[in-house]
Each structure stands twice: as C-alpha cells, then as structure tokens.
C-alpha cells in the first residue's frame, strides 16, 4: 500500500506485478519485460511499459496515464480527472 503523494517505481524482468495504492495521489511507474501488471486504487500520474504481458488498471483516479505494451492486452478503468491526459500504445 502506497503513502500520500508517494512516488512508486517498480521494475521486473520476469514476474507479475501487483500494486494497490490506496487511492492516494502521487506517481506510479512500472516497467516489465515479461509478466502481467495489475494496479488498483492509484491516483495521480501513471506510466507503464511492458514488453510481454497484460496491463490492468482498476479503480484509478488519474491526472495522466501513459501505457505502452508490445504484446499484451490493456484494460484501463479510470475516473480520469478533469483535463487528464490518457495515452495507450499497443503493438500486437
């Protein structure tokens, strides 16, 4: 569980990533090579980069989000804040 205004930076080469931010604003950055990413109750800024794996974001209240995946599905369920910027890039 994250703390208010915290910056979270997660990196993984092989393995799934799960994080519950407790709806606190801040920034979350996740980079994976192989593995699924499951993020819950995050706020603020989000950046996810994945080579192979699905990305699921639920219960988020985001100011900005950038999600990039080379091979995998993206499911982004967010109550974006007014003026939010959301960017999703997938290759296959």
N, C-alpha and C. Protein backbone atom coordinates (compact mmCIF):
# COMPACT_ATOMS: atom_id res chain seq x y z
N UNK A 1 0.85 -1.19 0.00
CA UNK A 1 0.00 0.00 0.00
C UNK A 1 0.89 1.24 0.00
N UNK A 2 0.59 2.22 -0.88
CA UNK A 2 1.40 3.42 -1.01
C UNK A 2 1.07 4.45 0.04
N UNK A 3 1.88 5.50 0.13
CA UNK A 3 1.58 6.58 1.05
C UNK A 3 1.26 7.84 0.26
N UNK A 4 0.61 8.80 0.91
CA UNK A 4 0.13 10.00 0.23
C UNK A 4 1.24 10.71 -0.52
N UNK A 5 1.00 10.97 -1.80
CA UNK A 5 1.97 11.70 -2.60
C UNK A 5 3.23 10.94 -2.93
N UNK A 6 3.27 9.66 -2.63
CA UNK A 6 4.47 8.87 -2.84
C UNK A 6 4.74 8.63 -4.31
N UNK A 7 6.01 8.52 -4.64
CA UNK A 7 6.43 8.11 -5.98
C UNK A 7 6.84 6.66 -5.90
N UNK A 8 6.20 5.82 -6.72
CA UNK A 8 6.46 4.39 -6.71
C UNK A 8 7.07 4.01 -8.05
N UNK A 9 8.21 3.32 -8.02
CA UNK A 9 8.91 2.90 -9.23
C UNK A 9 9.18 1.40 -9.11
N UNK A 10 8.52 0.60 -9.98
CA UNK A 10 8.63 -0.86 -9.92
C UNK A 10 9.22 -1.36 -11.23
N UNK A 11 10.24 -2.22 -11.13
CA UNK A 11 10.85 -2.83 -12.32
C UNK A 11 10.90 -4.33 -12.13
N UNK A 12 10.57 -5.07 -13.23
CA UNK A 12 10.59 -6.52 -13.16
C UNK A 12 11.03 -7.08 -14.51
N UNK A 13 11.90 -8.09 -14.48
CA UNK A 13 12.32 -8.74 -15.72
C UNK A 13 11.36 -9.88 -16.03
N UNK A 14 11.06 -10.72 -15.07
CA UNK A 14 10.17 -11.85 -15.29
C UNK A 14 9.34 -12.07 -14.03
N UNK A 15 8.06 -11.82 -14.14
CA UNK A 15 7.18 -12.00 -12.99
C UNK A 15 6.06 -10.98 -13.03
N UNK A 16 4.95 -11.32 -12.40
CA UNK A 16 3.80 -10.43 -12.36
C UNK A 16 4.01 -9.34 -11.31
N UNK A 17 3.38 -8.19 -11.57
CA UNK A 17 3.45 -7.06 -10.65
C UNK A 17 2.03 -6.71 -10.22
N UNK A 18 1.80 -6.61 -8.91
CA UNK A 18 0.51 -6.19 -8.37
C UNK A 18 0.77 -5.08 -7.35
N UNK A 19 -0.02 -4.00 -7.44
CA UNK A 19 0.16 -2.88 -6.52
C UNK A 19 -1.19 -2.24 -6.24
N UNK A 20 -1.48 -2.00 -4.96
CA UNK A 20 -2.68 -1.30 -4.53
C UNK A 20 -2.23 -0.02 -3.85
N UNK A 21 -2.55 1.10 -4.47
CA UNK A 21 -2.08 2.39 -3.96
C UNK A 21 -2.96 3.03 -2.92
N UNK A 22 -4.10 2.44 -2.60
CA UNK A 22 -4.96 3.02 -1.58
C UNK A 22 -5.55 4.36 -1.98
N UNK A 23 -5.70 4.63 -3.27
CA UNK A 23 -6.31 5.85 -3.84
C UNK A 23 -5.56 7.13 -3.51
N UNK A 24 -4.31 7.03 -3.16
CA UNK A 24 -3.54 8.23 -2.83
C UNK A 24 -2.90 8.80 -4.09
N UNK A 25 -2.86 10.11 -4.18
CA UNK A 25 -2.24 10.78 -5.33
C UNK A 25 -0.73 10.66 -5.24
N UNK A 26 -0.10 10.66 -6.37
CA UNK A 26 1.35 10.54 -6.45
C UNK A 26 1.70 10.12 -7.86
N UNK A 27 2.73 9.33 -7.98
CA UNK A 27 3.06 8.80 -9.30
C UNK A 27 3.46 7.34 -9.17
N UNK A 28 3.05 6.57 -10.19
CA UNK A 28 3.38 5.15 -10.24
C UNK A 28 4.01 4.88 -11.60
N UNK A 29 5.20 4.28 -11.57
CA UNK A 29 5.91 3.93 -12.79
C UNK A 29 6.26 2.45 -12.71
N UNK A 30 5.84 1.69 -13.74
CA UNK A 30 6.09 0.26 -13.76
C UNK A 30 6.72 -0.10 -15.11
N UNK A 31 7.81 -0.85 -15.08
CA UNK A 31 8.46 -1.35 -16.29
C UNK A 31 8.69 -2.84 -16.14
N UNK A 32 8.14 -3.62 -17.08
CA UNK A 32 8.33 -5.07 -17.05
C UNK A 32 8.78 -5.56 -18.42
N UNK A 33 9.50 -6.67 -18.41
CA UNK A 33 9.87 -7.34 -19.65
C UNK A 33 8.85 -8.43 -19.94
N UNK A 34 8.58 -9.28 -18.95
CA UNK A 34 7.63 -10.37 -19.12
C UNK A 34 6.84 -10.55 -17.84
N UNK A 35 5.53 -10.39 -17.92
CA UNK A 35 4.68 -10.56 -16.75
C UNK A 35 3.51 -9.59 -16.80
N UNK A 36 2.43 -9.96 -16.14
CA UNK A 36 1.25 -9.11 -16.09
C UNK A 36 1.41 -8.01 -15.05
N UNK A 37 0.72 -6.90 -15.29
CA UNK A 37 0.73 -5.76 -14.37
C UNK A 37 -0.71 -5.53 -13.91
N UNK A 38 -0.94 -5.53 -12.60
CA UNK A 38 -2.27 -5.33 -12.03
C UNK A 38 -2.17 -4.19 -11.00
N UNK A 39 -2.76 -3.04 -11.34
CA UNK A 39 -2.70 -1.87 -10.47
C UNK A 39 -4.10 -1.50 -10.02
N UNK A 40 -4.26 -1.25 -8.72
CA UNK A 40 -5.57 -0.94 -8.13
C UNK A 40 -5.48 0.33 -7.30
N UNK A 41 -6.55 1.10 -7.36
CA UNK A 41 -6.73 2.26 -6.47
C UNK A 41 -5.52 3.19 -6.45
N UNK A 42 -5.11 3.60 -7.64
CA UNK A 42 -4.00 4.55 -7.72
C UNK A 42 -4.51 5.90 -8.19
N UNK A 43 -3.75 6.94 -7.90
CA UNK A 43 -4.13 8.27 -8.33
C UNK A 43 -2.90 9.02 -8.81
N UNK A 44 -3.13 10.17 -9.42
CA UNK A 44 -2.01 10.98 -9.87
C UNK A 44 -1.55 10.60 -11.25
N UNK A 45 -0.26 10.33 -11.38
CA UNK A 45 0.35 10.04 -12.68
C UNK A 45 0.74 8.57 -12.76
N UNK A 46 0.51 8.00 -13.96
CA UNK A 46 0.80 6.59 -14.17
C UNK A 46 1.60 6.43 -15.46
N UNK A 47 2.65 5.62 -15.39
CA UNK A 47 3.41 5.24 -16.58
C UNK A 47 3.72 3.76 -16.49
N UNK A 48 3.28 3.00 -17.52
CA UNK A 48 3.52 1.56 -17.56
C UNK A 48 4.14 1.21 -18.90
N UNK A 49 5.22 0.43 -18.86
CA UNK A 49 5.87 -0.07 -20.06
C UNK A 49 6.05 -1.57 -19.90
N UNK A 50 5.52 -2.34 -20.88
CA UNK A 50 5.60 -3.80 -20.80
C UNK A 50 5.93 -4.36 -22.17
N UNK A 51 6.87 -5.29 -22.21
CA UNK A 51 7.20 -5.95 -23.47
C UNK A 51 6.20 -7.07 -23.74
N UNK A 52 5.98 -7.94 -22.77
CA UNK A 52 5.07 -9.06 -22.94
C UNK A 52 4.28 -9.26 -21.66
N UNK A 53 2.98 -9.01 -21.74
CA UNK A 53 2.14 -9.18 -20.56
C UNK A 53 0.95 -8.25 -20.63
N UNK A 54 -0.12 -8.63 -19.93
CA UNK A 54 -1.33 -7.82 -19.88
C UNK A 54 -1.18 -6.74 -18.82
N UNK A 55 -1.85 -5.61 -19.06
CA UNK A 55 -1.85 -4.50 -18.11
C UNK A 55 -3.30 -4.22 -17.72
N UNK A 56 -3.60 -4.29 -16.43
CA UNK A 56 -4.93 -3.98 -15.92
C UNK A 56 -4.82 -2.91 -14.85
N UNK A 57 -5.59 -1.84 -15.04
CA UNK A 57 -5.64 -0.75 -14.07
C UNK A 57 -7.10 -0.56 -13.70
N UNK A 58 -7.42 -0.63 -12.41
CA UNK A 58 -8.81 -0.51 -11.96
C UNK A 58 -8.90 0.41 -10.74
N UNK A 59 -10.00 1.11 -10.65
CA UNK A 59 -10.25 1.97 -9.50
C UNK A 59 -9.30 3.14 -9.41
N UNK A 60 -8.86 3.63 -10.55
CA UNK A 60 -7.87 4.70 -10.57
C UNK A 60 -8.54 6.06 -10.78
N UNK A 61 -7.95 7.09 -10.19
CA UNK A 61 -8.35 8.48 -10.42
C UNK A 61 -7.09 9.21 -10.89
N UNK A 62 -6.91 9.24 -12.20
CA UNK A 62 -5.63 9.67 -12.77
C UNK A 62 -5.64 11.08 -13.32
N UNK A 63 -4.51 11.76 -13.15
CA UNK A 63 -4.26 13.05 -13.80
C UNK A 63 -3.68 12.81 -15.17
N UNK A 64 -2.83 11.78 -15.29
CA UNK A 64 -2.25 11.40 -16.58
C UNK A 64 -1.88 9.93 -16.55
N UNK A 65 -1.94 9.32 -17.74
CA UNK A 65 -1.55 7.92 -17.86
C UNK A 65 -0.92 7.69 -19.21
N UNK A 66 0.18 6.96 -19.21
CA UNK A 66 0.82 6.50 -20.45
C UNK A 66 1.08 5.02 -20.26
N UNK A 67 0.43 4.21 -21.10
CA UNK A 67 0.57 2.75 -21.03
C UNK A 67 1.05 2.27 -22.38
N UNK A 68 2.17 1.54 -22.38
CA UNK A 68 2.73 1.01 -23.62
C UNK A 68 3.02 -0.47 -23.43
N UNK A 69 2.58 -1.27 -24.41
CA UNK A 69 2.87 -2.70 -24.37
C UNK A 69 3.15 -3.18 -25.79
N UNK A 70 4.12 -4.07 -25.91
CA UNK A 70 4.45 -4.63 -27.22
C UNK A 70 3.54 -5.81 -27.53
N UNK A 71 3.34 -6.69 -26.56
CA UNK A 71 2.48 -7.86 -26.76
C UNK A 71 1.67 -8.08 -25.50
N UNK A 72 0.40 -7.73 -25.55
CA UNK A 72 -0.46 -7.91 -24.39
C UNK A 72 -1.69 -7.02 -24.48
N UNK A 73 -2.67 -7.33 -23.66
CA UNK A 73 -3.91 -6.57 -23.61
C UNK A 73 -3.80 -5.47 -22.57
N UNK A 74 -4.57 -4.38 -22.80
CA UNK A 74 -4.62 -3.27 -21.85
C UNK A 74 -6.08 -3.06 -21.45
N UNK A 75 -6.34 -3.04 -20.14
CA UNK A 75 -7.66 -2.76 -19.60
C UNK A 75 -7.50 -1.60 -18.62
N UNK A 76 -7.98 -0.42 -19.02
CA UNK A 76 -7.81 0.79 -18.22
C UNK A 76 -9.18 1.28 -17.76
N UNK A 77 -9.47 1.11 -16.47
CA UNK A 77 -10.73 1.52 -15.88
C UNK A 77 -10.42 2.66 -14.92
N UNK A 78 -10.68 3.90 -15.38
CA UNK A 78 -10.30 5.05 -14.57
C UNK A 78 -11.38 6.12 -14.56
N UNK A 79 -11.49 6.81 -13.45
CA UNK A 79 -12.29 8.02 -13.35
C UNK A 79 -11.29 9.16 -13.56
N UNK A 80 -10.96 9.42 -14.82
CA UNK A 80 -9.94 10.42 -15.13
C UNK A 80 -10.38 11.79 -14.61
N UNK A 81 -9.44 12.50 -14.04
CA UNK A 81 -9.73 13.83 -13.53
C UNK A 81 -9.89 14.80 -14.69
N UNK A 82 -10.59 15.90 -14.45
CA UNK A 82 -10.80 16.91 -15.49
C UNK A 82 -9.45 17.36 -16.05
N UNK A 83 -9.35 17.38 -17.38
CA UNK A 83 -8.10 17.78 -18.03
C UNK A 83 -7.05 16.68 -18.08
N UNK A 84 -7.44 15.46 -17.72
CA UNK A 84 -6.49 14.35 -17.70
C UNK A 84 -6.02 14.00 -19.12
N UNK A 85 -4.80 13.48 -19.21
CA UNK A 85 -4.25 13.01 -20.46
C UNK A 85 -4.05 11.50 -20.36
N UNK A 86 -4.68 10.75 -21.27
CA UNK A 86 -4.56 9.30 -21.28
C UNK A 86 -3.99 8.88 -22.63
N UNK A 87 -2.92 8.07 -22.60
CA UNK A 87 -2.29 7.61 -23.82
C UNK A 87 -2.01 6.11 -23.69
N UNK A 88 -2.50 5.33 -24.66
CA UNK A 88 -2.29 3.89 -24.66
C UNK A 88 -1.75 3.49 -26.02
N UNK A 89 -0.60 2.78 -26.04
CA UNK A 89 0.01 2.29 -27.26
C UNK A 89 0.19 0.77 -27.14
N UNK A 90 -0.29 0.04 -28.15
CA UNK A 90 -0.05 -1.40 -28.22
C UNK A 90 0.45 -1.76 -29.62
N UNK A 91 1.23 -2.83 -29.70
CA UNK A 91 1.75 -3.27 -30.99
C UNK A 91 0.98 -4.50 -31.47
N UNK A 92 0.80 -5.50 -30.62
CA UNK A 92 0.04 -6.69 -31.03
C UNK A 92 -0.85 -7.19 -29.91
